[in-house]
Amino acid sequence: MAATQRILLLNSEATFRLLLQFRGYEVTMAHSFQEARQELGASLYNLVVVQVEFDRHSALQFCEELKRDYPAMKVALLAHHTLYFPPNTCPDDVIVRQDGPSQFLKQVEQLVTV
């Protein structure tokens, strides 16, 4: 994995940022959709990870916006439980928090190396 892989974490915990930084990723955190939009306007990212908490609909809308504006960028949703989506739709992947940190890192690595 190259150290130049850039990841934007939206509404995530610092633990995930630390895990990714330890693995050599360049990580930026945003705490709102607006802050994420500002970050995306200023820099390019390989992956955006959006934590889904209470408003799944807004997260999906943001995902669709990202795929429209940045088609080459990967988008993953970080959820407390498994979410199902039709094939060939946003997101590129769903990362389930309950699967643990090693699975989180494995899925991130798969997304940025595709």
N, C-alpha and C. Protein backbone atom coordinates (compact mmCIF):
# COMPACT_ATOMS: atom_id res chain seq x y z
N MET A 1 0.84 -1.18 0.00
CA MET A 1 0.00 0.00 0.00
C MET A 1 0.88 1.23 0.00
N ALA A 2 0.58 2.18 -0.84
CA ALA A 2 1.34 3.42 -0.91
C ALA A 2 0.85 4.39 0.16
N ALA A 3 1.77 5.15 0.74
CA ALA A 3 1.43 6.09 1.80
C ALA A 3 0.64 7.27 1.27
N THR A 4 0.51 7.38 -0.05
CA THR A 4 -0.19 8.52 -0.62
C THR A 4 -1.70 8.31 -0.73
N GLN A 5 -2.20 7.17 -0.29
CA GLN A 5 -3.64 6.95 -0.34
C GLN A 5 -4.30 7.89 0.66
N ARG A 6 -5.27 8.67 0.18
CA ARG A 6 -5.93 9.68 1.01
C ARG A 6 -7.35 9.25 1.31
N ILE A 7 -7.73 9.33 2.59
CA ILE A 7 -9.06 8.91 3.03
C ILE A 7 -9.71 10.03 3.82
N LEU A 8 -10.97 10.30 3.51
CA LEU A 8 -11.77 11.26 4.26
C LEU A 8 -12.78 10.49 5.09
N LEU A 9 -12.75 10.69 6.41
CA LEU A 9 -13.70 10.05 7.32
C LEU A 9 -14.75 11.08 7.71
N LEU A 10 -16.00 10.74 7.53
CA LEU A 10 -17.09 11.64 7.86
C LEU A 10 -17.88 11.10 9.04
N ASN A 11 -17.99 11.92 10.09
CA ASN A 11 -18.75 11.56 11.30
C ASN A 11 -18.22 10.29 11.95
N SER A 12 -16.94 10.10 11.89
CA SER A 12 -16.36 8.88 12.44
C SER A 12 -15.63 9.17 13.74
N GLU A 13 -15.23 8.13 14.40
CA GLU A 13 -14.51 8.25 15.65
C GLU A 13 -13.01 8.35 15.39
N ALA A 14 -12.31 8.97 16.30
CA ALA A 14 -10.86 9.13 16.15
C ALA A 14 -10.15 7.78 16.09
N THR A 15 -10.74 6.75 16.66
CA THR A 15 -10.13 5.41 16.64
C THR A 15 -9.88 4.96 15.21
N PHE A 16 -10.85 5.18 14.33
CA PHE A 16 -10.68 4.76 12.93
C PHE A 16 -9.58 5.57 12.25
N ARG A 17 -9.51 6.85 12.56
CA ARG A 17 -8.44 7.69 12.00
C ARG A 17 -7.08 7.16 12.44
N LEU A 18 -6.95 6.84 13.71
CA LEU A 18 -5.68 6.34 14.23
C LEU A 18 -5.30 4.99 13.60
N LEU A 19 -6.28 4.10 13.45
CA LEU A 19 -6.01 2.81 12.79
C LEU A 19 -5.47 3.01 11.37
N LEU A 20 -6.11 3.89 10.64
CA LEU A 20 -5.70 4.13 9.25
C LEU A 20 -4.34 4.83 9.18
N GLN A 21 -4.12 5.79 10.05
CA GLN A 21 -2.82 6.48 10.05
C GLN A 21 -1.70 5.52 10.41
N PHE A 22 -1.96 4.63 11.34
CA PHE A 22 -0.97 3.62 11.72
C PHE A 22 -0.59 2.75 10.52
N ARG A 23 -1.56 2.51 9.63
CA ARG A 23 -1.31 1.69 8.43
C ARG A 23 -0.71 2.51 7.29
N GLY A 24 -0.47 3.81 7.48
CA GLY A 24 0.21 4.61 6.47
C GLY A 24 -0.69 5.44 5.58
N TYR A 25 -1.99 5.46 5.85
CA TYR A 25 -2.91 6.28 5.06
C TYR A 25 -2.87 7.72 5.55
N GLU A 26 -3.10 8.64 4.63
CA GLU A 26 -3.28 10.05 4.99
C GLU A 26 -4.77 10.25 5.24
N VAL A 27 -5.13 10.66 6.43
CA VAL A 27 -6.54 10.68 6.85
C VAL A 27 -6.94 12.09 7.27
N THR A 28 -8.11 12.52 6.77
CA THR A 28 -8.73 13.77 7.18
C THR A 28 -10.10 13.44 7.75
N MET A 29 -10.48 14.14 8.82
CA MET A 29 -11.80 13.91 9.41
C MET A 29 -12.69 15.12 9.15
N ALA A 30 -13.95 14.85 8.86
CA ALA A 30 -14.98 15.88 8.72
C ALA A 30 -16.13 15.50 9.64
N HIS A 31 -16.77 16.50 10.23
CA HIS A 31 -17.82 16.22 11.21
C HIS A 31 -19.22 16.54 10.69
N SER A 32 -19.32 16.95 9.43
CA SER A 32 -20.62 17.23 8.83
C SER A 32 -20.50 17.07 7.32
N PHE A 33 -21.63 16.97 6.66
CA PHE A 33 -21.62 16.88 5.19
C PHE A 33 -21.01 18.15 4.61
N GLN A 34 -21.34 19.30 5.18
CA GLN A 34 -20.80 20.57 4.69
C GLN A 34 -19.28 20.61 4.82
N GLU A 35 -18.77 20.19 5.95
CA GLU A 35 -17.31 20.16 6.15
C GLU A 35 -16.66 19.19 5.16
N ALA A 36 -17.30 18.05 4.92
CA ALA A 36 -16.77 17.09 3.94
C ALA A 36 -16.75 17.69 2.54
N ARG A 37 -17.80 18.42 2.18
CA ARG A 37 -17.82 19.07 0.86
C ARG A 37 -16.66 20.06 0.72
N GLN A 38 -16.39 20.81 1.79
CA GLN A 38 -15.27 21.77 1.76
C GLN A 38 -13.94 21.04 1.59
N GLU A 39 -13.76 19.95 2.30
CA GLU A 39 -12.52 19.18 2.17
C GLU A 39 -12.36 18.62 0.76
N LEU A 40 -13.45 18.12 0.20
CA LEU A 40 -13.40 17.55 -1.15
C LEU A 40 -13.14 18.62 -2.19
N GLY A 41 -13.59 19.83 -1.95
CA GLY A 41 -13.31 20.93 -2.87
C GLY A 41 -11.86 21.36 -2.85
N ALA A 42 -11.18 21.08 -1.73
CA ALA A 42 -9.79 21.51 -1.58
C ALA A 42 -8.77 20.42 -1.91
N SER A 43 -9.17 19.15 -1.83
CA SER A 43 -8.24 18.04 -2.02
C SER A 43 -8.93 16.86 -2.69
N LEU A 44 -8.11 15.99 -3.28
CA LEU A 44 -8.62 14.75 -3.86
C LEU A 44 -8.42 13.61 -2.88
N TYR A 45 -9.39 12.73 -2.82
CA TYR A 45 -9.33 11.58 -1.93
C TYR A 45 -9.55 10.30 -2.73
N ASN A 46 -8.93 9.21 -2.27
CA ASN A 46 -9.15 7.90 -2.88
C ASN A 46 -10.42 7.25 -2.36
N LEU A 47 -10.76 7.58 -1.10
CA LEU A 47 -11.89 6.93 -0.44
C LEU A 47 -12.53 7.90 0.55
N VAL A 48 -13.86 7.90 0.58
CA VAL A 48 -14.61 8.61 1.62
C VAL A 48 -15.40 7.56 2.39
N VAL A 49 -15.24 7.57 3.72
CA VAL A 49 -15.98 6.66 4.59
C VAL A 49 -16.98 7.49 5.38
N VAL A 50 -18.27 7.20 5.19
CA VAL A 50 -19.34 7.95 5.83
C VAL A 50 -19.97 7.07 6.91
N GLN A 51 -19.87 7.52 8.15
CA GLN A 51 -20.50 6.77 9.24
C GLN A 51 -22.00 7.03 9.21
N VAL A 52 -22.77 5.94 9.20
CA VAL A 52 -24.22 6.02 9.17
C VAL A 52 -24.72 5.83 10.59
N GLU A 53 -25.36 6.83 11.12
CA GLU A 53 -25.91 6.73 12.46
C GLU A 53 -27.43 6.80 12.40
N PHE A 54 -27.96 7.99 12.45
CA PHE A 54 -29.40 8.16 12.57
C PHE A 54 -30.08 8.46 11.24
N ASP A 55 -29.35 9.05 10.30
CA ASP A 55 -29.97 9.52 9.07
C ASP A 55 -29.39 8.79 7.85
N ARG A 56 -29.82 7.58 7.65
CA ARG A 56 -29.35 6.77 6.52
C ARG A 56 -29.67 7.42 5.19
N HIS A 57 -30.84 8.07 5.09
CA HIS A 57 -31.25 8.71 3.85
C HIS A 57 -30.27 9.82 3.44
N SER A 58 -29.87 10.67 4.37
CA SER A 58 -28.92 11.74 4.06
C SER A 58 -27.56 11.18 3.66
N ALA A 59 -27.14 10.10 4.33
CA ALA A 59 -25.87 9.47 3.97
C ALA A 59 -25.91 8.93 2.55
N LEU A 60 -27.03 8.32 2.16
CA LEU A 60 -27.16 7.81 0.79
C LEU A 60 -27.20 8.95 -0.22
N GLN A 61 -27.89 10.02 0.10
CA GLN A 61 -27.92 11.18 -0.80
C GLN A 61 -26.52 11.75 -0.98
N PHE A 62 -25.76 11.85 0.11
CA PHE A 62 -24.40 12.35 0.03
C PHE A 62 -23.53 11.41 -0.81
N CYS A 63 -23.72 10.12 -0.63
CA CYS A 63 -22.99 9.13 -1.41
C CYS A 63 -23.26 9.31 -2.90
N GLU A 64 -24.52 9.45 -3.26
CA GLU A 64 -24.88 9.66 -4.67
C GLU A 64 -24.28 10.95 -5.21
N GLU A 65 -24.26 11.99 -4.41
CA GLU A 65 -23.65 13.27 -4.80
C GLU A 65 -22.15 13.07 -5.08
N LEU A 66 -21.48 12.34 -4.19
CA LEU A 66 -20.05 12.09 -4.38
C LEU A 66 -19.78 11.30 -5.66
N LYS A 67 -20.56 10.26 -5.90
CA LYS A 67 -20.35 9.44 -7.09
C LYS A 67 -20.64 10.23 -8.37
N ARG A 68 -21.57 11.16 -8.30
CA ARG A 68 -21.85 12.01 -9.45
C ARG A 68 -20.70 12.99 -9.71
N ASP A 69 -20.21 13.63 -8.65
CA ASP A 69 -19.19 14.67 -8.78
C ASP A 69 -17.77 14.13 -8.88
N TYR A 70 -17.53 12.95 -8.30
CA TYR A 70 -16.19 12.33 -8.28
C TYR A 70 -16.32 10.85 -8.62
N PRO A 71 -16.63 10.52 -9.87
CA PRO A 71 -16.95 9.13 -10.21
C PRO A 71 -15.83 8.12 -9.93
N ALA A 72 -14.59 8.54 -9.92
CA ALA A 72 -13.49 7.59 -9.69
C ALA A 72 -13.26 7.33 -8.20
N MET A 73 -13.80 8.17 -7.35
CA MET A 73 -13.58 8.03 -5.91
C MET A 73 -14.47 6.94 -5.34
N LYS A 74 -13.92 6.16 -4.44
CA LYS A 74 -14.68 5.10 -3.76
C LYS A 74 -15.38 5.70 -2.54
N VAL A 75 -16.58 5.17 -2.26
CA VAL A 75 -17.36 5.61 -1.10
C VAL A 75 -17.82 4.37 -0.34
N ALA A 76 -17.59 4.40 0.97
CA ALA A 76 -18.05 3.31 1.84
C ALA A 76 -18.90 3.90 2.95
N LEU A 77 -19.89 3.13 3.37
CA LEU A 77 -20.69 3.50 4.53
C LEU A 77 -20.24 2.65 5.70
N LEU A 78 -20.04 3.27 6.84
CA LEU A 78 -19.67 2.59 8.08
C LEU A 78 -20.92 2.51 8.94
N ALA A 79 -21.41 1.31 9.18
CA ALA A 79 -22.69 1.12 9.85
C ALA A 79 -22.56 0.18 11.04
N HIS A 80 -23.53 0.26 11.94
CA HIS A 80 -23.55 -0.62 13.10
C HIS A 80 -24.06 -2.01 12.74
N HIS A 81 -24.70 -2.13 11.59
CA HIS A 81 -25.25 -3.42 11.17
C HIS A 81 -25.19 -3.50 9.65
N THR A 82 -25.41 -4.67 9.11
CA THR A 82 -25.35 -4.88 7.68
C THR A 82 -26.46 -4.12 6.98
N LEU A 83 -26.11 -3.42 5.92
CA LEU A 83 -27.08 -2.71 5.08
C LEU A 83 -27.01 -3.32 3.69
N TYR A 84 -28.16 -3.49 3.05
CA TYR A 84 -28.21 -4.07 1.71
C TYR A 84 -28.64 -3.02 0.70
N PHE A 85 -27.96 -3.01 -0.44
CA PHE A 85 -28.27 -2.08 -1.52
C PHE A 85 -28.31 -2.86 -2.83
N PRO A 86 -29.08 -2.39 -3.80
CA PRO A 86 -29.08 -3.05 -5.11
C PRO A 86 -27.68 -3.00 -5.73
N PRO A 87 -27.33 -3.98 -6.54
CA PRO A 87 -26.02 -3.97 -7.20
C PRO A 87 -25.84 -2.70 -8.04
N ASN A 88 -24.59 -2.29 -8.18
CA ASN A 88 -24.23 -1.14 -9.01
C ASN A 88 -24.84 0.17 -8.53
N THR A 89 -25.02 0.30 -7.23
CA THR A 89 -25.49 1.56 -6.66
C THR A 89 -24.47 2.03 -5.63
N CYS A 90 -24.70 3.21 -5.14
CA CYS A 90 -23.85 3.73 -4.08
C CYS A 90 -24.29 3.09 -2.77
N PRO A 91 -23.42 2.70 -1.94
CA PRO A 91 -21.98 2.88 -1.87
C PRO A 91 -21.22 1.75 -2.55
N ASP A 92 -19.88 1.92 -2.62
CA ASP A 92 -19.05 0.85 -3.16
C ASP A 92 -18.96 -0.32 -2.19
N ASP A 93 -19.11 -0.03 -0.90
CA ASP A 93 -19.05 -1.08 0.11
C ASP A 93 -19.71 -0.58 1.39
N VAL A 94 -20.14 -1.53 2.22
CA VAL A 94 -20.64 -1.24 3.57
C VAL A 94 -19.69 -1.93 4.54
N ILE A 95 -19.16 -1.16 5.47
CA ILE A 95 -18.27 -1.69 6.49
C ILE A 95 -19.08 -1.76 7.78
N VAL A 96 -19.17 -2.95 8.34
CA VAL A 96 -19.96 -3.16 9.55
C VAL A 96 -19.04 -3.05 10.76
N ARG A 97 -19.34 -2.10 11.64
CA ARG A 97 -18.49 -1.85 12.81
C ARG A 97 -18.33 -3.09 13.68
N GLN A 98 -19.38 -3.87 13.82
CA GLN A 98 -19.34 -5.05 14.69
C GLN A 98 -18.35 -6.11 14.21
N ASP A 99 -17.91 -6.02 12.95
CA ASP A 99 -16.96 -6.99 12.42
C ASP A 99 -15.54 -6.75 12.93
N GLY A 100 -15.32 -5.62 13.59
CA GLY A 100 -14.04 -5.36 14.24
C GLY A 100 -13.04 -4.59 13.40
N PRO A 101 -11.95 -4.14 14.04
CA PRO A 101 -10.97 -3.30 13.38
C PRO A 101 -10.21 -3.99 12.25
N SER A 102 -9.91 -5.27 12.39
CA SER A 102 -9.16 -5.94 11.32
C SER A 102 -9.99 -6.03 10.04
N GLN A 103 -11.28 -6.28 10.17
CA GLN A 103 -12.15 -6.32 9.00
C GLN A 103 -12.30 -4.92 8.39
N PHE A 104 -12.40 -3.90 9.24
CA PHE A 104 -12.46 -2.51 8.77
C PHE A 104 -11.25 -2.21 7.90
N LEU A 105 -10.05 -2.52 8.41
CA LEU A 105 -8.82 -2.26 7.66
C LEU A 105 -8.76 -3.08 6.37
N LYS A 106 -9.19 -4.32 6.42
CA LYS A 106 -9.19 -5.17 5.23
C LYS A 106 -10.09 -4.59 4.13
N GLN A 107 -11.28 -4.15 4.51
CA GLN A 107 -12.20 -3.60 3.51
C GLN A 107 -11.69 -2.27 2.95
N VAL A 108 -11.10 -1.43 3.81
CA VAL A 108 -10.53 -0.18 3.32
C VAL A 108 -9.43 -0.47 2.33
N GLU A 109 -8.54 -1.40 2.67
CA GLU A 109 -7.44 -1.74 1.76
C GLU A 109 -7.95 -2.24 0.42
N GLN A 110 -9.00 -3.07 0.44
CA GLN A 110 -9.58 -3.56 -0.81
C GLN A 110 -10.15 -2.43 -1.64
N LEU A 111 -10.76 -1.46 -1.00
CA LEU A 111 -11.35 -0.34 -1.73
C LEU A 111 -10.30 0.56 -2.37
N VAL A 112 -9.21 0.83 -1.68
CA VAL A 112 -8.23 1.75 -2.23
C VAL A 112 -7.25 1.10 -3.20
N THR A 113 -7.24 -0.24 -3.25
CA THR A 113 -6.32 -0.90 -4.18
C THR A 113 -7.01 -1.42 -5.43
N VAL A 114 -8.30 -1.22 -5.53
CA VAL A 114 -9.03 -1.70 -6.73
C VAL A 114 -8.73 -0.79 -7.89
